[in-house]
Amino acid sequence: KVKVIEALEKEKAPNEKIVFVGDGINDAPVLARADVGVAMG
């Protein structure tokens, strides 16, 4: 999942941001890697 976020990083402009939305527990590495990590529930 972290590698996917890194791949998506190449598609965005410098002033744009990637948001990852997960459960905050199992997705800790990818929440930390995204520009904005959103934990739901």
PDB file of all heavy atoms in Angstrom:
ATOM      1  N   LYS A   1       0.837  -1.207   0.000  1.00  0.00           N
ATOM      2  CA  LYS A   1       0.000   0.000   0.000  1.00  0.00           C
ATOM      3  C   LYS A   1       0.872   1.258   0.000  1.00  0.00           C
ATOM      4  O   LYS A   1       0.542   2.257  -0.638  1.00  0.00           O
ATOM      5  CB  LYS A   1      -0.938   0.001   1.214  1.00  0.00           C
ATOM      6  CG  LYS A   1      -2.026  -1.066   1.138  1.00  0.00           C
ATOM      7  CD  LYS A   1      -2.952  -1.009   2.358  1.00  0.00           C
ATOM      8  CE  LYS A   1      -3.996  -2.116   2.305  1.00  0.00           C
ATOM      9  NZ  LYS A   1      -4.899  -2.089   3.468  1.00  0.00           N
ATOM     10  N   VAL A   2       2.000   1.187   0.714  1.00  0.00           N
ATOM     11  CA  VAL A   2       2.948   2.311   0.743  1.00  0.00           C
ATOM     12  C   VAL A   2       3.514   2.541  -0.662  1.00  0.00           C
ATOM     13  O   VAL A   2       3.632   3.681  -1.122  1.00  0.00           O
ATOM     14  CB  VAL A   2       4.091   2.052   1.757  1.00  0.00           C
ATOM     15  CG1 VAL A   2       5.138   3.154   1.680  1.00  0.00           C
ATOM     16  CG2 VAL A   2       3.534   1.955   3.173  1.00  0.00           C
ATOM     17  N   LYS A   3       3.825   1.434  -1.367  1.00  0.00           N
ATOM     18  CA  LYS A   3       4.364   1.548  -2.734  1.00  0.00           C
ATOM     19  C   LYS A   3       3.341   2.174  -3.686  1.00  0.00           C
ATOM     20  O   LYS A   3       3.697   2.929  -4.594  1.00  0.00           O
ATOM     21  CB  LYS A   3       4.786   0.165  -3.247  1.00  0.00           C
ATOM     22  CG  LYS A   3       6.031  -0.377  -2.545  1.00  0.00           C
ATOM     23  CD  LYS A   3       6.317  -1.809  -2.953  1.00  0.00           C
ATOM     24  CE  LYS A   3       7.471  -2.374  -2.126  1.00  0.00           C
ATOM     25  NZ  LYS A   3       7.628  -3.824  -2.341  1.00  0.00           N
ATOM     26  N   VAL A   4       2.051   1.855  -3.477  1.00  0.00           N
ATOM     27  CA  VAL A   4       0.987   2.437  -4.307  1.00  0.00           C
ATOM     28  C   VAL A   4       0.942   3.950  -4.106  1.00  0.00           C
ATOM     29  O   VAL A   4       0.850   4.714  -5.074  1.00  0.00           O
ATOM     30  CB  VAL A   4      -0.382   1.803  -3.959  1.00  0.00           C
ATOM     31  CG1 VAL A   4      -1.519   2.609  -4.583  1.00  0.00           C
ATOM     32  CG2 VAL A   4      -0.432   0.360  -4.447  1.00  0.00           C
ATOM     33  N   ILE A   5       1.013   4.389  -2.834  1.00  0.00           N
ATOM     34  CA  ILE A   5       1.001   5.832  -2.531  1.00  0.00           C
ATOM     35  C   ILE A   5       2.212   6.508  -3.166  1.00  0.00           C
ATOM     36  O   ILE A   5       2.108   7.608  -3.723  1.00  0.00           O
ATOM     37  CB  ILE A   5       0.966   6.080  -1.006  1.00  0.00           C
ATOM     38  CG1 ILE A   5      -0.339   5.560  -0.397  1.00  0.00           C
ATOM     39  CG2 ILE A   5       1.159   7.555  -0.679  1.00  0.00           C
ATOM     40  CD1 ILE A   5      -1.605   6.230  -0.899  1.00  0.00           C
ATOM     41  N   GLU A   6       3.378   5.850  -3.117  1.00  0.00           N
ATOM     42  CA  GLU A   6       4.594   6.407  -3.729  1.00  0.00           C
ATOM     43  C   GLU A   6       4.449   6.516  -5.247  1.00  0.00           C
ATOM     44  O   GLU A   6       4.950   7.453  -5.866  1.00  0.00           O
ATOM     45  CB  GLU A   6       5.808   5.557  -3.337  1.00  0.00           C
ATOM     46  CG  GLU A   6       6.215   5.773  -1.883  1.00  0.00           C
ATOM     47  CD  GLU A   6       7.286   4.802  -1.402  1.00  0.00           C
ATOM     48  OE1 GLU A   6       7.565   3.809  -2.119  1.00  0.00           O
ATOM     49  OE2 GLU A   6       7.831   5.022  -0.297  1.00  0.00           O
ATOM     50  N   ALA A   7       3.752   5.541  -5.851  1.00  0.00           N
ATOM     51  CA  ALA A   7       3.513   5.592  -7.300  1.00  0.00           C
ATOM     52  C   ALA A   7       2.544   6.724  -7.646  1.00  0.00           C
ATOM     53  O   ALA A   7       2.742   7.452  -8.628  1.00  0.00           O
ATOM     54  CB  ALA A   7       2.957   4.255  -7.782  1.00  0.00           C
ATOM     55  N   LEU A   8       1.509   6.885  -6.828  1.00  0.00           N
ATOM     56  CA  LEU A   8       0.537   7.971  -7.047  1.00  0.00           C
ATOM     57  C   LEU A   8       1.190   9.347  -6.863  1.00  0.00           C
ATOM     58  O   LEU A   8       0.775  10.324  -7.481  1.00  0.00           O
ATOM     59  CB  LEU A   8      -0.645   7.828  -6.080  1.00  0.00           C
ATOM     60  CG  LEU A   8      -1.603   6.650  -6.334  1.00  0.00           C
ATOM     61  CD1 LEU A   8      -2.561   6.493  -5.165  1.00  0.00           C
ATOM     62  CD2 LEU A   8      -2.375   6.841  -7.635  1.00  0.00           C
ATOM     63  N   GLU A   9       2.217   9.393  -6.012  1.00  0.00           N
ATOM     64  CA  GLU A   9       2.952  10.637  -5.739  1.00  0.00           C
ATOM     65  C   GLU A   9       3.515  11.236  -7.034  1.00  0.00           C
ATOM     66  O   GLU A   9       3.573  12.455  -7.201  1.00  0.00           O
ATOM     67  CB  GLU A   9       4.100  10.318  -4.766  1.00  0.00           C
ATOM     68  CG  GLU A   9       4.741  11.520  -4.134  1.00  0.00           C
ATOM     69  CD  GLU A   9       4.011  12.009  -2.898  1.00  0.00           C
ATOM     70  OE1 GLU A   9       3.422  11.216  -2.160  1.00  0.00           O
ATOM     71  OE2 GLU A   9       4.034  13.228  -2.707  1.00  0.00           O
ATOM     72  N   LYS A  10       3.900  10.346  -7.956  1.00  0.00           N
ATOM     73  CA  LYS A  10       4.502  10.803  -9.219  1.00  0.00           C
ATOM     74  C   LYS A  10       3.470  11.419 -10.165  1.00  0.00           C
ATOM     75  O   LYS A  10       3.819  12.123 -11.107  1.00  0.00           O
ATOM     76  CB  LYS A  10       5.196   9.619  -9.903  1.00  0.00           C
ATOM     77  CG  LYS A  10       6.398   9.099  -9.120  1.00  0.00           C
ATOM     78  CD  LYS A  10       6.906   7.789  -9.678  1.00  0.00           C
ATOM     79  CE  LYS A  10       8.010   7.221  -8.792  1.00  0.00           C
ATOM     80  NZ  LYS A  10       8.400   5.861  -9.190  1.00  0.00           N
ATOM     81  N   GLU A  11       2.184  11.151  -9.894  1.00  0.00           N
ATOM     82  CA  GLU A  11       1.118  11.653 -10.773  1.00  0.00           C
ATOM     83  C   GLU A  11       0.632  13.050 -10.384  1.00  0.00           C
ATOM     84  O   GLU A  11      -0.096  13.678 -11.141  1.00  0.00           O
ATOM     85  CB  GLU A  11      -0.082  10.693 -10.742  1.00  0.00           C
ATOM     86  CG  GLU A  11       0.207   9.315 -11.274  1.00  0.00           C
ATOM     87  CD  GLU A  11      -1.030   8.415 -11.211  1.00  0.00           C
ATOM     88  OE1 GLU A  11      -2.163   8.956 -11.230  1.00  0.00           O
ATOM     89  OE2 GLU A  11      -0.862   7.186 -11.159  1.00  0.00           O
ATOM     90  N   LYS A  12       0.999  13.524  -9.203  1.00  0.00           N
ATOM     91  CA  LYS A  12       0.448  14.800  -8.731  1.00  0.00           C
ATOM     92  C   LYS A  12       1.421  15.956  -8.953  1.00  0.00           C
ATOM     93  O   LYS A  12       2.632  15.762  -9.034  1.00  0.00           O
ATOM     94  CB  LYS A  12       0.071  14.709  -7.245  1.00  0.00           C
ATOM     95  CG  LYS A  12       1.242  14.620  -6.282  1.00  0.00           C
ATOM     96  CD  LYS A  12       0.765  14.576  -4.849  1.00  0.00           C
ATOM     97  CE  LYS A  12       1.899  14.539  -3.850  1.00  0.00           C
ATOM     98  NZ  LYS A  12       2.657  15.763  -3.712  1.00  0.00           N
ATOM     99  N   ALA A  13       0.866  17.143  -9.040  1.00  0.00           N
ATOM    100  CA  ALA A  13       1.668  18.366  -9.161  1.00  0.00           C
ATOM    101  C   ALA A  13       2.291  18.691  -7.796  1.00  0.00           C
ATOM    102  O   ALA A  13       1.806  18.214  -6.760  1.00  0.00           O
ATOM    103  CB  ALA A  13       0.787  19.517  -9.626  1.00  0.00           C
ATOM    104  N   PRO A  14       3.351  19.530  -7.776  1.00  0.00           N
ATOM    105  CA  PRO A  14       4.029  19.822  -6.496  1.00  0.00           C
ATOM    106  C   PRO A  14       3.120  20.415  -5.420  1.00  0.00           C
ATOM    107  O   PRO A  14       3.318  20.175  -4.236  1.00  0.00           O
ATOM    108  CB  PRO A  14       5.119  20.828  -6.899  1.00  0.00           C
ATOM    109  CG  PRO A  14       5.341  20.584  -8.347  1.00  0.00           C
ATOM    110  CD  PRO A  14       4.028  20.154  -8.908  1.00  0.00           C
ATOM    111  N   ASN A  15       2.118  21.186  -5.829  1.00  0.00           N
ATOM    112  CA  ASN A  15       1.246  21.836  -4.835  1.00  0.00           C
ATOM    113  C   ASN A  15       0.011  20.997  -4.489  1.00  0.00           C
ATOM    114  O   ASN A  15      -0.837  21.422  -3.713  1.00  0.00           O
ATOM    115  CB  ASN A  15       0.801  23.217  -5.335  1.00  0.00           C
ATOM    116  CG  ASN A  15      -0.005  23.125  -6.626  1.00  0.00           C
ATOM    117  OD1 ASN A  15       0.218  22.229  -7.435  1.00  0.00           O
ATOM    118  ND2 ASN A  15      -0.926  24.046  -6.811  1.00  0.00           N
ATOM    119  N   GLU A  16      -0.113  19.809  -5.091  1.00  0.00           N
ATOM    120  CA  GLU A  16      -1.253  18.929  -4.813  1.00  0.00           C
ATOM    121  C   GLU A  16      -0.904  17.925  -3.721  1.00  0.00           C
ATOM    122  O   GLU A  16       0.276  17.652  -3.474  1.00  0.00           O
ATOM    123  CB  GLU A  16      -1.679  18.191  -6.089  1.00  0.00           C
ATOM    124  CG  GLU A  16      -2.241  19.122  -7.158  1.00  0.00           C
ATOM    125  CD  GLU A  16      -2.635  18.382  -8.425  1.00  0.00           C
ATOM    126  OE1 GLU A  16      -2.057  17.300  -8.700  1.00  0.00           O
ATOM    127  OE2 GLU A  16      -3.507  18.879  -9.141  1.00  0.00           O
ATOM    128  N   LYS A  17      -1.923  17.379  -3.080  1.00  0.00           N
ATOM    129  CA  LYS A  17      -1.708  16.460  -1.954  1.00  0.00           C
ATOM    130  C   LYS A  17      -2.453  15.141  -2.152  1.00  0.00           C
ATOM    131  O   LYS A  17      -3.526  15.103  -2.754  1.00  0.00           O
ATOM    132  CB  LYS A  17      -2.196  17.095  -0.642  1.00  0.00           C
ATOM    133  CG  LYS A  17      -1.537  18.429  -0.292  1.00  0.00           C
ATOM    134  CD  LYS A  17      -0.063  18.286  -0.006  1.00  0.00           C
ATOM    135  CE  LYS A  17       0.579  19.642   0.294  1.00  0.00           C
ATOM    136  NZ  LYS A  17       2.043  19.571   0.358  1.00  0.00           N
ATOM    137  N   ILE A  18      -1.861  14.066  -1.605  1.00  0.00           N
ATOM    138  CA  ILE A  18      -2.500  12.746  -1.610  1.00  0.00           C
ATOM    139  C   ILE A  18      -3.071  12.485  -0.222  1.00  0.00           C
ATOM    140  O   ILE A  18      -2.384  12.651   0.788  1.00  0.00           O
ATOM    141  CB  ILE A  18      -1.500  11.632  -1.978  1.00  0.00           C
ATOM    142  CG1 ILE A  18      -1.056  11.794  -3.426  1.00  0.00           C
ATOM    143  CG2 ILE A  18      -2.124  10.249  -1.773  1.00  0.00           C
ATOM    144  CD1 ILE A  18      -0.019  10.780  -3.867  1.00  0.00           C
ATOM    145  N   VAL A  19      -4.345  12.069  -0.191  1.00  0.00           N
ATOM    146  CA  VAL A  19      -5.007  11.735   1.071  1.00  0.00           C
ATOM    147  C   VAL A  19      -5.254  10.233   1.097  1.00  0.00           C
ATOM    148  O   VAL A  19      -5.777   9.671   0.122  1.00  0.00           O
ATOM    149  CB  VAL A  19      -6.353  12.484   1.214  1.00  0.00           C
ATOM    150  CG1 VAL A  19      -7.074  12.083   2.489  1.00  0.00           C
ATOM    151  CG2 VAL A  19      -6.126  13.993   1.183  1.00  0.00           C
ATOM    152  N   PHE A  20      -4.851   9.585   2.194  1.00  0.00           N
ATOM    153  CA  PHE A  20      -5.184   8.165   2.368  1.00  0.00           C
ATOM    154  C   PHE A  20      -6.160   8.040   3.521  1.00  0.00           C
ATOM    155  O   PHE A  20      -5.957   8.616   4.593  1.00  0.00           O
ATOM    156  CB  PHE A  20      -3.944   7.313   2.649  1.00  0.00           C
ATOM    157  CG  PHE A  20      -4.288   5.862   2.893  1.00  0.00           C
ATOM    158  CD1 PHE A  20      -4.499   5.010   1.828  1.00  0.00           C
ATOM    159  CD2 PHE A  20      -4.449   5.365   4.181  1.00  0.00           C
ATOM    160  CE1 PHE A  20      -4.863   3.679   2.044  1.00  0.00           C
ATOM    161  CE2 PHE A  20      -4.808   4.047   4.404  1.00  0.00           C
ATOM    162  CZ  PHE A  20      -5.015   3.195   3.329  1.00  0.00           C
ATOM    163  N   VAL A  21      -7.237   7.263   3.299  1.00  0.00           N
ATOM    164  CA  VAL A  21      -8.255   7.066   4.330  1.00  0.00           C
ATOM    165  C   VAL A  21      -8.292   5.599   4.715  1.00  0.00           C
ATOM    166  O   VAL A  21      -8.544   4.736   3.868  1.00  0.00           O
ATOM    167  CB  VAL A  21      -9.654   7.508   3.826  1.00  0.00           C
ATOM    168  CG1 VAL A  21     -10.650   7.535   4.975  1.00  0.00           C
ATOM    169  CG2 VAL A  21      -9.591   8.869   3.142  1.00  0.00           C
ATOM    170  N   GLY A  22      -8.003   5.316   5.994  1.00  0.00           N
ATOM    171  CA  GLY A  22      -8.004   3.932   6.474  1.00  0.00           C
ATOM    172  C   GLY A  22      -8.528   3.845   7.891  1.00  0.00           C
ATOM    173  O   GLY A  22      -9.122   4.798   8.402  1.00  0.00           O
ATOM    174  N   ASP A  23      -8.279   2.675   8.538  1.00  0.00           N
ATOM    175  CA  ASP A  23      -8.823   2.489   9.886  1.00  0.00           C
ATOM    176  C   ASP A  23      -7.880   2.958  10.987  1.00  0.00           C
ATOM    177  O   ASP A  23      -8.226   2.930  12.158  1.00  0.00           O
ATOM    178  CB  ASP A  23      -9.242   1.037  10.122  1.00  0.00           C
ATOM    179  CG  ASP A  23      -8.068   0.067  10.008  1.00  0.00           C
ATOM    180  OD1 ASP A  23      -6.908   0.536   9.996  1.00  0.00           O
ATOM    181  OD2 ASP A  23      -8.306  -1.152   9.937  1.00  0.00           O
ATOM    182  N   GLY A  24      -6.680   3.392  10.623  1.00  0.00           N
ATOM    183  CA  GLY A  24      -5.787   3.984  11.616  1.00  0.00           C
ATOM    184  C   GLY A  24      -4.984   2.990  12.418  1.00  0.00           C
ATOM    185  O   GLY A  24      -4.080   3.357  13.159  1.00  0.00           O
ATOM    186  N   ILE A  25      -5.295   1.693  12.301  1.00  0.00           N
ATOM    187  CA  ILE A  25      -4.570   0.695  13.102  1.00  0.00           C
ATOM    188  C   ILE A  25      -3.735  -0.171  12.164  1.00  0.00           C
ATOM    189  O   ILE A  25      -2.522  -0.161  12.182  1.00  0.00           O
ATOM    190  CB  ILE A  25      -5.559  -0.156  13.925  1.00  0.00           C
ATOM    191  CG1 ILE A  25      -6.421   0.755  14.799  1.00  0.00           C
ATOM    192  CG2 ILE A  25      -4.821  -1.171  14.799  1.00  0.00           C
ATOM    193  CD1 ILE A  25      -7.670   0.111  15.311  1.00  0.00           C
ATOM    194  N   ASN A  26      -4.426  -0.919  11.251  1.00  0.00           N
ATOM    195  CA  ASN A  26      -3.703  -1.796  10.319  1.00  0.00           C
ATOM    196  C   ASN A  26      -2.967  -1.003   9.249  1.00  0.00           C
ATOM    197  O   ASN A  26      -2.061  -1.514   8.612  1.00  0.00           O
ATOM    198  CB  ASN A  26      -4.691  -2.761   9.647  1.00  0.00           C
ATOM    199  CG  ASN A  26      -5.435  -3.590  10.666  1.00  0.00           C
ATOM    200  OD1 ASN A  26      -4.869  -3.956  11.686  1.00  0.00           O
ATOM    201  ND2 ASN A  26      -6.702  -3.865  10.414  1.00  0.00           N
ATOM    202  N   ASP A  27      -3.376   0.250   9.038  1.00  0.00           N
ATOM    203  CA  ASP A  27      -2.808   1.038   7.941  1.00  0.00           C
ATOM    204  C   ASP A  27      -1.796   2.077   8.409  1.00  0.00           C
ATOM    205  O   ASP A  27      -1.579   3.075   7.724  1.00  0.00           O
ATOM    206  CB  ASP A  27      -3.942   1.740   7.184  1.00  0.00           C
ATOM    207  CG  ASP A  27      -4.888   0.743   6.525  1.00  0.00           C
ATOM    208  OD1 ASP A  27      -4.395  -0.173   5.862  1.00  0.00           O
ATOM    209  OD2 ASP A  27      -6.106   0.885   6.698  1.00  0.00           O
ATOM    210  N   ALA A  28      -1.190   1.875   9.565  1.00  0.00           N
ATOM    211  CA  ALA A  28      -0.265   2.875  10.129  1.00  0.00           C
ATOM    212  C   ALA A  28       0.837   3.295   9.153  1.00  0.00           C
ATOM    213  O   ALA A  28       1.081   4.498   8.993  1.00  0.00           O
ATOM    214  CB  ALA A  28       0.329   2.364  11.433  1.00  0.00           C
ATOM    215  N   PRO A  29       1.533   2.361   8.449  1.00  0.00           N
ATOM    216  CA  PRO A  29       2.621   2.794   7.553  1.00  0.00           C
ATOM    217  C   PRO A  29       2.131   3.702   6.424  1.00  0.00           C
ATOM    218  O   PRO A  29       2.756   4.707   6.119  1.00  0.00           O
ATOM    219  CB  PRO A  29       3.175   1.471   6.993  1.00  0.00           C
ATOM    220  CG  PRO A  29       2.711   0.418   7.937  1.00  0.00           C
ATOM    221  CD  PRO A  29       1.403   0.894   8.484  1.00  0.00           C
ATOM    222  N   VAL A  30       0.993   3.348   5.801  1.00  0.00           N
ATOM    223  CA  VAL A  30       0.511   4.134   4.663  1.00  0.00           C
ATOM    224  C   VAL A  30      -0.116   5.451   5.125  1.00  0.00           C
ATOM    225  O   VAL A  30      -0.018   6.466   4.433  1.00  0.00           O
ATOM    226  CB  VAL A  30      -0.454   3.292   3.785  1.00  0.00           C
ATOM    227  CG1 VAL A  30      -1.739   2.968   4.494  1.00  0.00           C
ATOM    228  CG2 VAL A  30      -0.735   3.981   2.459  1.00  0.00           C
ATOM    229  N   LEU A  31      -0.716   5.471   6.318  1.00  0.00           N
ATOM    230  CA  LEU A  31      -1.230   6.728   6.880  1.00  0.00           C
ATOM    231  C   LEU A  31      -0.090   7.720   7.083  1.00  0.00           C
ATOM    232  O   LEU A  31      -0.235   8.913   6.855  1.00  0.00           O
ATOM    233  CB  LEU A  31      -1.935   6.483   8.219  1.00  0.00           C
ATOM    234  CG  LEU A  31      -3.375   5.960   8.160  1.00  0.00           C
ATOM    235  CD1 LEU A  31      -3.815   5.490   9.528  1.00  0.00           C
ATOM    236  CD2 LEU A  31      -4.332   7.023   7.658  1.00  0.00           C
ATOM    237  N   ALA A  32       1.057   7.195   7.517  1.00  0.00           N
ATOM    238  CA  ALA A  32       2.232   8.044   7.761  1.00  0.00           C
ATOM    239  C   ALA A  32       2.850   8.512   6.443  1.00  0.00           C
ATOM    240  O   ALA A  32       3.367   9.623   6.359  1.00  0.00           O
ATOM    241  CB  ALA A  32       3.257   7.280   8.586  1.00  0.00           C
ATOM    242  N   ARG A  33       2.768   7.677   5.398  1.00  0.00           N
ATOM    243  CA  ARG A  33       3.435   8.003   4.126  1.00  0.00           C
ATOM    244  C   ARG A  33       2.656   9.031   3.297  1.00  0.00           C
ATOM    245  O   ARG A  33       3.245   9.855   2.596  1.00  0.00           O
ATOM    246  CB  ARG A  33       3.628   6.713   3.302  1.00  0.00           C
ATOM    247  CG  ARG A  33       4.293   6.927   1.945  1.00  0.00           C
ATOM    248  CD  ARG A  33       5.706   7.463   2.108  1.00  0.00           C
ATOM    249  NE  ARG A  33       6.305   7.826   0.834  1.00  0.00           N
ATOM    250  CZ  ARG A  33       6.141   8.970   0.202  1.00  0.00           C
ATOM    251  NH1 ARG A  33       5.365   9.918   0.721  1.00  0.00           N
ATOM    252  NH2 ARG A  33       6.764   9.218  -0.938  1.00  0.00           N
ATOM    253  N   ALA A  34       1.331   8.989   3.364  1.00  0.00           N
ATOM    254  CA  ALA A  34       0.506   9.926   2.586  1.00  0.00           C
ATOM    255  C   ALA A  34       0.699  11.351   3.099  1.00  0.00           C
ATOM    256  O   ALA A  34       1.110  11.561   4.247  1.00  0.00           O
ATOM    257  CB  ALA A  34      -0.961   9.524   2.679  1.00  0.00           C
ATOM    258  N   ASP A  35       0.388  12.344   2.248  1.00  0.00           N
ATOM    259  CA  ASP A  35       0.481  13.753   2.672  1.00  0.00           C
ATOM    260  C   ASP A  35      -0.460  14.019   3.840  1.00  0.00           C
ATOM    261  O   ASP A  35      -0.124  14.751   4.765  1.00  0.00           O
ATOM    262  CB  ASP A  35       0.136  14.684   1.500  1.00  0.00           C
ATOM    263  CG  ASP A  35       1.138  14.568   0.369  1.00  0.00           C
ATOM    264  OD1 ASP A  35       2.342  14.537   0.668  1.00  0.00           O
ATOM    265  OD2 ASP A  35       0.717  14.500  -0.796  1.00  0.00           O
ATOM    266  N   VAL A  36      -1.668  13.436   3.755  1.00  0.00           N
ATOM    267  CA  VAL A  36      -2.641  13.528   4.854  1.00  0.00           C
ATOM    268  C   VAL A  36      -3.183  12.130   5.116  1.00  0.00           C
ATOM    269  O   VAL A  36      -3.769  11.516   4.223  1.00  0.00           O
ATOM    270  CB  VAL A  36      -3.823  14.473   4.517  1.00  0.00           C
ATOM    271  CG1 VAL A  36      -4.748  14.616   5.721  1.00  0.00           C
ATOM    272  CG2 VAL A  36      -3.335  15.838   4.077  1.00  0.00           C
ATOM    273  N   GLY A  37      -2.953  11.626   6.326  1.00  0.00           N
ATOM    274  CA  GLY A  37      -3.492  10.329   6.731  1.00  0.00           C
ATOM    275  C   GLY A  37      -4.769  10.540   7.513  1.00  0.00           C
ATOM    276  O   GLY A  37      -4.767  11.236   8.524  1.00  0.00           O
ATOM    277  N   VAL A  38      -5.877   9.954   7.011  1.00  0.00           N
ATOM    278  CA  VAL A  38      -7.183  10.119   7.667  1.00  0.00           C
ATOM    279  C   VAL A  38      -7.613   8.780   8.247  1.00  0.00           C
ATOM    280  O   VAL A  38      -7.723   7.788   7.518  1.00  0.00           O
ATOM    281  CB  VAL A  38      -8.250  10.628   6.668  1.00  0.00           C
ATOM    282  CG1 VAL A  38      -9.593  10.806   7.362  1.00  0.00           C
ATOM    283  CG2 VAL A  38      -7.805  11.938   6.025  1.00  0.00           C
ATOM    284  N   ALA A  39      -7.850   8.747   9.563  1.00  0.00           N
ATOM    285  CA  ALA A  39      -8.337   7.531  10.224  1.00  0.00           C
ATOM    286  C   ALA A  39      -9.836   7.648  10.409  1.00  0.00           C
ATOM    287  O   ALA A  39     -10.331   8.642  10.926  1.00  0.00           O
ATOM    288  CB  ALA A  39      -7.644   7.344  11.572  1.00  0.00           C
ATOM    289  N   MET A  40     -10.565   6.593   9.965  1.00  0.00           N
ATOM    290  CA  MET A  40     -12.023   6.621  10.079  1.00  0.00           C
ATOM    291  C   MET A  40     -12.504   5.679  11.168  1.00  0.00           C
ATOM    292  O   MET A  40     -11.829   4.734  11.535  1.00  0.00           O
ATOM    293  CB  MET A  40     -12.655   6.199   8.757  1.00  0.00           C
ATOM    294  CG  MET A  40     -12.721   7.331   7.782  1.00  0.00           C
ATOM    295  SD  MET A  40     -13.897   7.022   6.482  1.00  0.00           S
ATOM    296  CE  MET A  40     -15.278   6.387   7.357  1.00  0.00           C
ATOM    297  N   GLY A  41     -13.722   5.972  11.672  1.00  0.00           N
ATOM    298  CA  GLY A  41     -14.323   5.105  12.686  1.00  0.00           C
ATOM    299  C   GLY A  41     -13.468   5.011  13.923  1.00  0.00           C
ATOM    300  O   GLY A  41     -13.328   3.960  14.542  1.00  0.00           O
TER     301      GLY A  41
END
